[in-house]
Protein backbone atom coordinates (compact mmCIF):
# COMPACT_ATOMS: atom_id res chain seq x y z
CA UNK A 1 0.00 0.00 0.00
CA UNK A 2 1.38 3.39 -1.00
CA UNK A 3 0.23 6.93 -0.36
CA UNK A 4 1.05 9.43 -3.06
CA UNK A 5 1.98 12.55 -1.12
CA UNK A 6 4.19 15.39 -2.25
CA UNK A 7 4.07 19.20 -2.24
CA UNK A 8 4.54 18.99 -6.03
CA UNK A 9 1.36 16.93 -6.52
CA UNK A 10 -2.11 18.53 -6.68
CA UNK A 11 -4.30 17.46 -3.76
CA UNK A 12 -6.57 15.38 -6.03
CA UNK A 13 -3.63 13.09 -6.83
CA UNK A 14 -2.57 12.60 -3.22
CA UNK A 15 -4.36 9.33 -2.61
CA UNK A 16 -3.77 5.75 -1.50
CA UNK A 17 -2.72 3.18 -4.10
CA UNK A 18 -2.74 -0.61 -3.74
CA UNK A 19 0.35 -2.38 -5.07
CA UNK A 20 1.23 -5.92 -6.15
CA UNK A 21 4.13 -8.00 -4.81
CA UNK A 22 6.56 -6.12 -7.04
CA UNK A 23 5.40 -2.79 -5.63
CA UNK A 24 3.65 -1.78 -8.85
CA UNK A 25 0.28 0.02 -8.61
CA UNK A 26 -2.81 -2.05 -9.40
CA UNK A 27 -4.18 -0.44 -12.55
CA UNK A 28 -7.94 -0.35 -12.08
CA UNK A 29 -7.72 0.37 -8.37
CA UNK A 30 -5.54 3.38 -9.18
CA UNK A 31 -8.05 4.67 -11.75
CA UNK A 32 -10.95 4.14 -9.34
CA UNK A 33 -9.10 5.87 -6.49
CA UNK A 34 -8.30 8.88 -8.66
CA UNK A 35 -11.77 9.25 -10.18
CA UNK A 36 -14.14 8.17 -7.41
CA UNK A 37 -12.49 8.77 -4.04
CA UNK A 38 -10.86 12.26 -3.92
CA UNK A 39 -13.81 13.88 -2.10
CA UNK A 40 -13.68 11.34 0.74
CA UNK A 41 -11.70 11.61 3.96
CA UNK A 42 -8.20 10.10 3.94
CA UNK A 43 -9.24 7.45 6.47
CA UNK A 44 -12.18 6.41 4.26
CA UNK A 45 -9.94 6.30 1.18
CA UNK A 46 -7.50 4.07 3.06
CA UNK A 47 -10.24 1.68 4.20
CA UNK A 48 -11.77 1.39 0.74
CA UNK A 49 -8.36 0.89 -0.88
CA UNK A 50 -7.63 -1.93 1.57
CA UNK A 51 -11.04 -3.47 0.86
CA UNK A 52 -10.40 -3.54 -2.90
CA UNK A 53 -6.85 -4.79 -2.37
CA UNK A 54 -8.26 -7.76 -0.42
CA UNK A 55 -10.38 -8.58 -3.50
CA UNK A 56 -7.28 -8.43 -5.70
CA UNK A 57 -5.51 -10.81 -3.30
CA UNK A 58 -8.46 -13.22 -3.32
CA UNK A 59 -8.57 -13.23 -7.12
CA UNK A 60 -4.83 -13.99 -7.08
CA UNK A 61 -5.61 -17.14 -5.11
CA UNK A 62 -8.09 -18.57 -7.66
CA UNK A 63 -6.70 -17.16 -10.91
CA UNK A 64 -3.16 -16.47 -12.13
CA UNK A 65 -1.62 -13.82 -9.91
CA UNK A 66 -2.42 -10.18 -10.76
CA UNK A 67 -4.97 -11.18 -13.41
CA UNK A 68 -7.95 -9.21 -12.05
CA UNK A 69 -7.09 -6.09 -14.07
CA UNK A 70 -7.10 -8.17 -17.27
CA UNK A 71 -10.39 -9.86 -16.35
CA UNK A 72 -12.05 -6.48 -15.78
CA UNK A 73 -10.55 -4.93 -18.91
CA UNK A 74 -11.82 -7.75 -21.14
CA UNK A 75 -15.29 -7.73 -19.52
CA UNK A 76 -15.03 -11.43 -18.63
CA UNK A 77 -18.35 -11.61 -16.79
CA UNK A 78 -18.11 -15.35 -16.12
CA UNK A 79 -14.77 -14.92 -14.34
CA UNK A 80 -16.05 -11.83 -12.51
CA UNK A 81 -19.08 -13.72 -11.19
CA UNK A 82 -16.90 -16.62 -10.00
CA UNK A 83 -14.60 -14.16 -8.22
CA UNK A 84 -17.46 -12.26 -6.55
CA UNK A 85 -19.21 -15.47 -5.49
CA UNK A 86 -16.03 -16.83 -3.93
CA UNK A 87 -15.13 -13.56 -2.24
CA UNK A 88 -18.63 -13.32 -0.75
CA UNK A 89 -18.31 -16.86 0.63
CA UNK A 90 -14.96 -16.08 2.26
CA UNK A 91 -16.57 -13.16 4.08
CA UNK A 92 -19.69 -15.07 5.18
CA UNK A 93 -17.77 -18.18 6.28
CA UNK A 94 -16.00 -16.25 9.05
CA UNK A 95 -17.08 -17.25 12.54
CA UNK A 96 -17.46 -13.66 13.71
CA UNK A 97 -18.68 -11.24 11.06
CA UNK A 98 -18.87 -7.49 11.58
CA UNK A 99 -20.01 -4.38 9.75
CA UNK A 100 -16.43 -4.08 8.45
CA UNK A 101 -17.04 -7.23 6.40
CA UNK A 102 -20.29 -5.75 5.10
CA UNK A 103 -18.48 -2.52 4.17
CA UNK A 104 -15.75 -4.50 2.40
CA UNK A 105 -18.35 -6.36 0.33
CA UNK A 106 -20.19 -3.17 -0.63
CA UNK A 107 -16.93 -1.43 -1.53
CA UNK A 108 -15.87 -4.29 -3.81
CA UNK A 109 -19.26 -4.25 -5.57
CA UNK A 110 -18.97 -0.49 -6.04
CA UNK A 111 -15.45 -0.89 -7.44
CA UNK A 112 -16.47 -3.61 -9.92
CA UNK A 113 -19.46 -1.60 -11.10
CA UNK A 114 -17.28 1.49 -11.60
CA UNK A 115 -14.71 -0.40 -13.70
CA UNK A 116 -17.31 -2.18 -15.84
CA UNK A 117 -19.15 1.09 -16.48
CA UNK A 118 -15.89 2.89 -17.27
CA UNK A 119 -14.78 0.12 -19.64
CA UNK A 120 -18.17 0.07 -21.32
CA UNK A 121 -17.87 3.70 -22.40
CA UNK A 122 -15.24 2.63 -24.94
CA UNK A 123 -17.39 -0.11 -26.47
CA UNK A 124 -19.70 0.07 -29.48
CA UNK A 125 -23.40 0.79 -29.04
CA UNK A 126 -24.31 -2.90 -29.38
CA UNK A 127 -21.58 -3.90 -26.93
CA UNK A 128 -22.78 -1.24 -24.49
CA UNK A 129 -26.32 -2.62 -24.65
CA UNK A 130 -25.07 -6.13 -23.91
CA UNK A 131 -22.74 -4.84 -21.21
CA UNK A 132 -25.45 -3.04 -19.29
CA UNK A 133 -27.78 -6.02 -19.49
CA UNK A 134 -25.07 -8.16 -17.92
CA UNK A 135 -24.26 -5.44 -15.41
CA UNK A 136 -27.93 -5.17 -14.45
CA UNK A 137 -28.02 -8.95 -13.96
CA UNK A 138 -24.93 -8.75 -11.77
CA UNK A 139 -26.47 -6.00 -9.65
CA UNK A 140 -29.73 -7.93 -9.26
CA UNK A 141 -27.73 -11.03 -8.32
CA UNK A 142 -25.77 -9.35 -5.53
CA UNK A 143 -28.03 -6.50 -4.41
CA UNK A 144 -29.76 -8.46 -1.65
CA UNK A 145 -26.71 -10.33 -0.36
CA UNK A 146 -25.71 -9.27 3.13
CA UNK A 147 -22.52 -10.31 4.86
CA UNK A 148 -23.64 -8.99 8.23
CA UNK A 149 -27.19 -8.41 9.40
CA UNK A 150 -27.35 -4.79 10.44
CA UNK A 151 -28.77 -4.17 13.89
CA UNK A 152 -31.10 -1.31 14.60
CA UNK A 153 -28.89 1.54 15.84
CA UNK A 154 -29.33 2.55 19.45
CA UNK A 155 -30.34 6.13 20.19
CA UNK A 156 -27.38 8.44 20.73
CA UNK A 157 -27.48 9.89 24.22
CA UNK A 158 -25.68 12.78 25.82
CA UNK A 159 -23.45 12.55 28.86
CA UNK A 160 -25.19 13.32 32.17
CA UNK A 161 -24.87 16.98 33.14
CA UNK A 162 -23.07 16.11 36.38
CA UNK A 163 -20.45 14.15 34.42
CA UNK A 164 -19.82 17.11 32.12
CA UNK A 165 -19.51 19.41 35.15
CA UNK A 166 -17.10 16.96 36.79
CA UNK A 167 -14.93 16.78 33.67
CA UNK A 168 -14.95 20.58 33.35
CA UNK A 169 -13.80 20.87 36.95
CA UNK A 170 -11.01 18.35 36.37
CA UNK A 171 -9.74 19.97 33.17
CA UNK A 172 -9.84 23.59 34.32
CA UNK A 173 -6.18 24.60 33.97
CA UNK A 174 -6.03 25.92 37.56
CA UNK A 175 -7.71 22.84 39.10
CA UNK A 176 -5.71 21.04 41.79
CA UNK A 177 -7.27 17.77 40.58
CA UNK A 178 -6.16 18.27 36.96
CA UNK A 179 -4.56 14.96 35.87
CA UNK A 180 -2.02 16.62 33.56
CA UNK A 181 1.30 17.95 34.88
CA UNK A 182 2.48 20.65 32.50
CA UNK A 183 0.64 23.90 31.86
CA UNK A 184 0.85 23.43 28.10
CA UNK A 185 -0.82 20.00 28.27
CA UNK A 186 -3.43 21.29 30.73
CA UNK A 187 -4.41 24.08 28.37
CA UNK A 188 -4.29 21.82 25.33
CA UNK A 189 -6.61 19.28 27.01
CA UNK A 190 -8.94 22.05 28.21
CA UNK A 191 -9.24 23.59 24.73
CA UNK A 192 -9.83 20.17 23.16
CA UNK A 193 -12.61 19.51 25.69
CA UNK A 194 -14.28 22.88 25.04
CA UNK A 195 -14.15 22.46 21.26
CA UNK A 196 -15.51 18.91 21.33
CA UNK A 197 -18.28 19.84 23.76
CA UNK A 198 -19.43 23.24 22.46
CA UNK A 199 -18.64 22.97 18.73
CA UNK A 200 -19.34 19.25 18.28
CA UNK A 201 -16.30 18.79 16.06
CA UNK A 202 -15.02 15.43 14.92
CA UNK A 203 -11.57 14.46 16.14
CA UNK A 204 -10.12 14.62 12.63
CA UNK A 205 -11.62 18.09 12.08
CA UNK A 206 -9.95 19.53 15.18
CA UNK A 207 -6.59 17.94 14.41
CA UNK A 208 -6.71 19.34 10.86
CA UNK A 209 -7.43 22.94 11.92
CA UNK A 210 -4.74 25.53 11.11
CA UNK A 211 -3.48 27.79 13.87
CA UNK A 212 -5.33 30.80 12.38
CA UNK A 213 -8.68 28.98 12.24
CA UNK A 214 -10.37 31.35 14.71
CA UNK A 215 -11.84 34.40 12.96
CA UNK A 216 -13.56 37.46 14.39
CA UNK A 217 -15.57 40.43 13.16
CA UNK A 218 -17.37 43.27 14.89
CA UNK A 219 -21.15 43.10 14.56
CA UNK A 220 -22.64 46.61 14.42
CA UNK A 221 -26.18 45.37 15.02
CA UNK A 222 -25.40 43.67 18.32
CA UNK A 223 -22.44 45.93 19.17
CA UNK A 224 -20.32 42.85 19.96
CA UNK A 225 -17.57 40.78 18.43
CA UNK A 226 -18.56 37.63 16.56
CA UNK A 227 -16.23 34.63 16.45
CA UNK A 228 -16.30 31.62 14.15
CA UNK A 229 -14.19 28.72 12.91
CA UNK A 230 -14.08 27.52 9.31
CA UNK A 231 -13.89 23.74 8.94
CA UNK A 232 -11.92 23.08 5.77
CA UNK A 233 -8.72 21.54 4.50
CA UNK A 234 -5.51 23.00 5.94
CA UNK A 235 -3.97 24.48 2.78
CA UNK A 236 -0.84 25.62 4.59
CA UNK A 237 0.46 22.08 5.07
CA UNK A 238 0.87 19.57 2.23
CA UNK A 239 2.98 16.93 3.94
CA UNK A 240 1.34 15.57 7.09
CA UNK A 241 3.58 12.88 8.59
CA UNK A 242 1.11 11.64 11.22
CA UNK A 243 0.34 7.90 11.11
CA UNK A 244 -3.42 8.56 11.05
CA UNK A 245 -3.87 11.63 8.85
CA UNK A 246 -6.76 13.82 10.05
CA UNK A 247 -9.02 15.15 7.34
CA UNK A 248 -12.43 16.55 6.48
CA UNK A 249 -14.89 13.67 6.21
CA UNK A 250 -17.09 14.79 3.28
CA UNK A 251 -17.86 17.91 1.26
CA UNK A 252 -20.82 18.55 3.60
CA UNK A 253 -18.34 18.75 6.48
CA UNK A 254 -16.89 21.99 5.07
CA UNK A 255 -18.71 24.68 7.06
CA UNK A 256 -18.46 27.67 9.40
CA UNK A 257 -19.30 27.25 13.09
CA UNK A 258 -20.06 30.14 15.47
CA UNK A 259 -17.87 30.21 18.58
CA UNK A 260 -18.82 31.69 21.94
CA UNK A 261 -16.68 34.42 23.48
CA UNK A 262 -15.37 32.24 26.34
CA UNK A 263 -14.34 29.39 24.03
CA UNK A 264 -12.78 31.89 21.61
CA UNK A 265 -10.76 33.55 24.40
CA UNK A 266 -9.61 30.12 25.65
CA UNK A 267 -8.42 29.14 22.17
CA UNK A 268 -6.61 32.46 21.78
CA UNK A 269 -4.98 32.10 25.20
CA UNK A 270 -3.74 28.62 24.26
CA UNK A 271 -2.31 29.86 20.96
CA UNK A 272 -0.55 32.88 22.45
CA UNK A 273 0.78 31.36 25.68
CA UNK A 274 0.79 27.56 25.70
CA UNK A 275 0.94 26.18 22.15
CA UNK A 276 4.67 26.77 22.05
CA UNK A 277 7.04 27.23 19.14
CA UNK A 278 6.77 24.64 16.39
CA UNK A 279 7.47 24.25 12.68
CA UNK A 280 3.95 23.25 11.62
CA UNK A 281 0.73 25.15 10.94
CA UNK A 282 -1.75 23.01 12.91
CA UNK A 283 -3.65 24.44 15.88
CA UNK A 284 -3.14 21.57 18.31
CA UNK A 285 0.50 20.97 19.15
CA UNK A 286 1.96 17.92 20.91
CA UNK A 287 4.46 18.03 23.77
CA UNK A 288 7.18 17.24 21.23
CA UNK A 289 6.42 20.22 18.98
CA UNK A 290 4.67 18.08 16.36
CA UNK A 291 1.05 18.09 15.12
CA UNK A 292 -0.98 16.21 17.71
CA UNK A 293 -2.00 12.74 16.57
CA UNK A 294 -5.28 10.87 17.01
CA UNK A 295 -3.44 8.40 19.24
CA UNK A 296 -2.29 11.24 21.53
CA UNK A 297 -5.88 12.50 21.86
CA UNK A 298 -6.96 8.96 22.80
CA UNK A 299 -4.29 8.87 25.52
CA UNK A 300 -5.51 12.22 26.90
CA UNK A 301 -9.06 10.90 27.17
CA UNK A 302 -7.91 7.64 28.78
CA UNK A 303 -6.10 9.61 31.49
CA UNK A 304 -9.14 11.85 31.87
CA UNK A 305 -11.44 8.83 32.31
CA UNK A 306 -9.15 7.42 35.00
CA UNK A 307 -9.55 10.68 36.97
CA UNK A 308 -13.36 10.88 36.88
CA UNK A 309 -14.97 9.98 40.26
CA UNK A 310 -16.47 6.48 40.39
CA UNK A 311 -19.94 7.75 41.23
CA UNK A 312 -19.93 9.85 38.05
CA UNK A 313 -18.73 6.88 35.99
CA UNK A 314 -21.67 4.90 37.41
CA UNK A 315 -24.08 7.62 36.26
CA UNK A 316 -22.48 7.50 32.83
CA UNK A 317 -22.82 3.72 32.67
CA UNK A 318 -26.50 3.95 33.63
CA UNK A 319 -27.09 6.65 31.02
CA UNK A 320 -25.06 5.59 27.96
CA UNK A 321 -23.92 2.07 28.88
CA UNK A 322 -20.18 2.74 29.11
CA UNK A 323 -17.58 3.83 31.64
CA UNK A 324 -15.12 5.58 29.36
CA UNK A 325 -15.39 9.03 27.82
CA UNK A 326 -14.32 9.76 24.23
CA UNK A 327 -14.32 12.83 21.97
CA UNK A 328 -17.35 11.44 20.14
CA UNK A 329 -19.31 11.26 23.41
CA UNK A 330 -18.83 15.02 23.69
CA UNK A 331 -19.97 15.43 20.07
CA UNK A 332 -23.13 13.46 20.94
CA UNK A 333 -23.67 15.68 23.98
CA UNK A 334 -23.24 18.81 21.88
CA UNK A 335 -25.75 17.54 19.30
CA UNK A 336 -28.41 16.80 21.92
CA UNK A 337 -27.88 20.20 23.58
CA UNK A 338 -27.97 22.07 20.25
CA UNK A 339 -31.17 20.34 19.15
CA UNK A 340 -32.77 21.08 22.52
CA UNK A 341 -31.83 24.75 22.16
CA UNK A 342 -33.24 24.97 18.61
CA UNK A 343 -36.55 23.49 19.74
CA UNK A 344 -36.76 25.67 22.86
CA UNK A 345 -36.17 28.74 20.68
CA UNK A 346 -39.33 27.92 18.73
CA UNK A 347 -37.98 26.13 15.65
CA UNK A 348 -40.18 23.40 14.22
CA UNK A 349 -38.78 19.87 14.41
CA UNK A 350 -38.05 19.89 10.67
CA UNK A 351 -36.17 23.22 10.78
CA UNK A 352 -34.29 22.20 13.93
CA UNK A 353 -33.11 18.95 12.35
CA UNK A 354 -31.98 20.77 9.21
CA UNK A 355 -30.02 23.28 11.31
CA UNK A 356 -28.40 20.35 13.10
CA UNK A 357 -27.32 18.84 9.76
CA UNK A 358 -25.62 22.09 8.76
CA UNK A 359 -23.97 22.66 12.14
CA UNK A 360 -22.50 19.16 12.39
CA UNK A 361 -21.57 18.73 8.74
CA UNK A 362 -24.02 16.00 7.76
CA UNK A 363 -25.47 15.60 4.28
CA UNK A 364 -28.91 17.19 3.67
CA UNK A 365 -30.60 13.78 3.71
CA UNK A 366 -28.72 12.36 6.70
CA UNK A 367 -30.82 10.51 9.29
CA UNK A 368 -28.29 11.16 12.07
CA UNK A 369 -30.26 14.09 13.58
CA UNK A 370 -33.29 11.82 14.03
CA UNK A 371 -31.25 9.54 16.28
CA UNK A 372 -30.40 12.52 18.48
CA UNK A 373 -34.01 13.70 18.41
CA UNK A 374 -35.11 10.56 20.23
CA UNK A 375 -32.73 11.37 23.07
CA UNK A 376 -34.04 14.94 23.26
CA UNK A 377 -37.66 13.80 23.38
CA UNK A 378 -36.82 11.12 25.97
CA UNK A 379 -35.19 13.79 28.17
CA UNK A 380 -38.15 16.13 27.69
CA UNK A 381 -40.65 13.39 28.57
CA UNK A 382 -38.65 12.38 31.65
CA UNK A 383 -38.45 16.01 32.84
CA UNK A 384 -42.22 16.35 32.39
CA UNK A 385 -42.92 13.11 34.27
CA UNK A 386 -40.56 14.14 37.08
CA UNK A 387 -42.28 17.53 37.33
CA UNK A 388 -45.77 15.97 37.43
CA UNK A 389 -44.62 13.42 40.01
CA UNK A 390 -43.15 16.14 42.25
CA UNK A 391 -46.38 18.14 41.96
CA UNK A 392 -48.49 15.12 42.97
CA UNK A 393 -46.19 14.28 45.90
CA UNK A 394 -46.37 17.87 47.16
CA UNK A 395 -50.15 17.78 46.79
CA UNK A 396 -50.33 14.54 48.78
CA UNK A 397 -48.13 16.02 51.50
CA UNK A 398 -50.41 19.06 51.77
CA UNK A 399 -53.49 16.82 51.91
CA UNK A 400 -51.96 14.56 54.54
CA UNK A 401 -50.92 17.58 56.60
CA UNK A 402 -54.46 19.03 56.39
CA UNK A 403 -56.02 15.70 57.44
CA UNK A 404 -53.83 15.58 60.52
């Protein structure tokens, strides 16, 4: 597996390429990667490239090695069907199947369809007609096959308020209970926490932010400063050496997010006083003067979890079914809080969900906001039931007192 990455290459060409045993790029995978994957996040490109490479390797076990490109180029449908059938069986014969196996199968089908369609554009009109009949038969043959039965997703719930307050107290830079020793790491962890919780950013989005991401402008109407962050590719850096390269997930993820004054001042304080001198353009700096990695963020949150009081971890387990806190838990919490705010401000459910899609960088048709909506409505119902119960108890107490 190779990653084409150089300051001299345009960004569209900086992609992952599968290679054979001689280190040569696999032809059709390279074409597919260049034409179909550039808009995807680097992590998604890597996963899909690995998925297709596993299909190449399987075909090398049943046909002469490195013959898949030739089979696809010659539109050998019989050989393609044999290869797809066998590959599907290898995935379904595993004792423990996961959604990763399902994703691999879907990626391979998408890849094969792309190549056959691309190849068909160079055929005659009669050949194209025959090709698309065969392609339609292939799609009908495999459309209903499932490697892994997808479970109904659980509702996404926010962290309990007391847990968030506890974490805030721990991570405050001047807290005696702060689990981090150096001031720079304390401020870095605090800023990460604030950005995950209040802006709902993905981990990769934060780690890809440039140091000048925070913008401000004076608003004459409100007579106050407005702050915002633009989520987009860091154009200042073209050679990211981190093992897991952070990136923007999809084109819908490119957006502007309003930032509150306190969060903005905390980010600015970190940049000016605690980020330190470094030779890169990324906002979040590691203790070694390098761009912070996803693995380093995971270590920060593991240490944070170990410092949370046990009674708060028990509340978290009762609420969301886990005893560890991750950046994505804070994103969930932000989403639930944002949706609650939209609804309390008078937005209809439809408008509130659409605002949530824009704020969190989901596609216009994404169903993710609906999963958060269930949590909001559950919380609202519970608050109403608790209020009614308290009212009835107070009424009973008054009645009992009067009877005495």
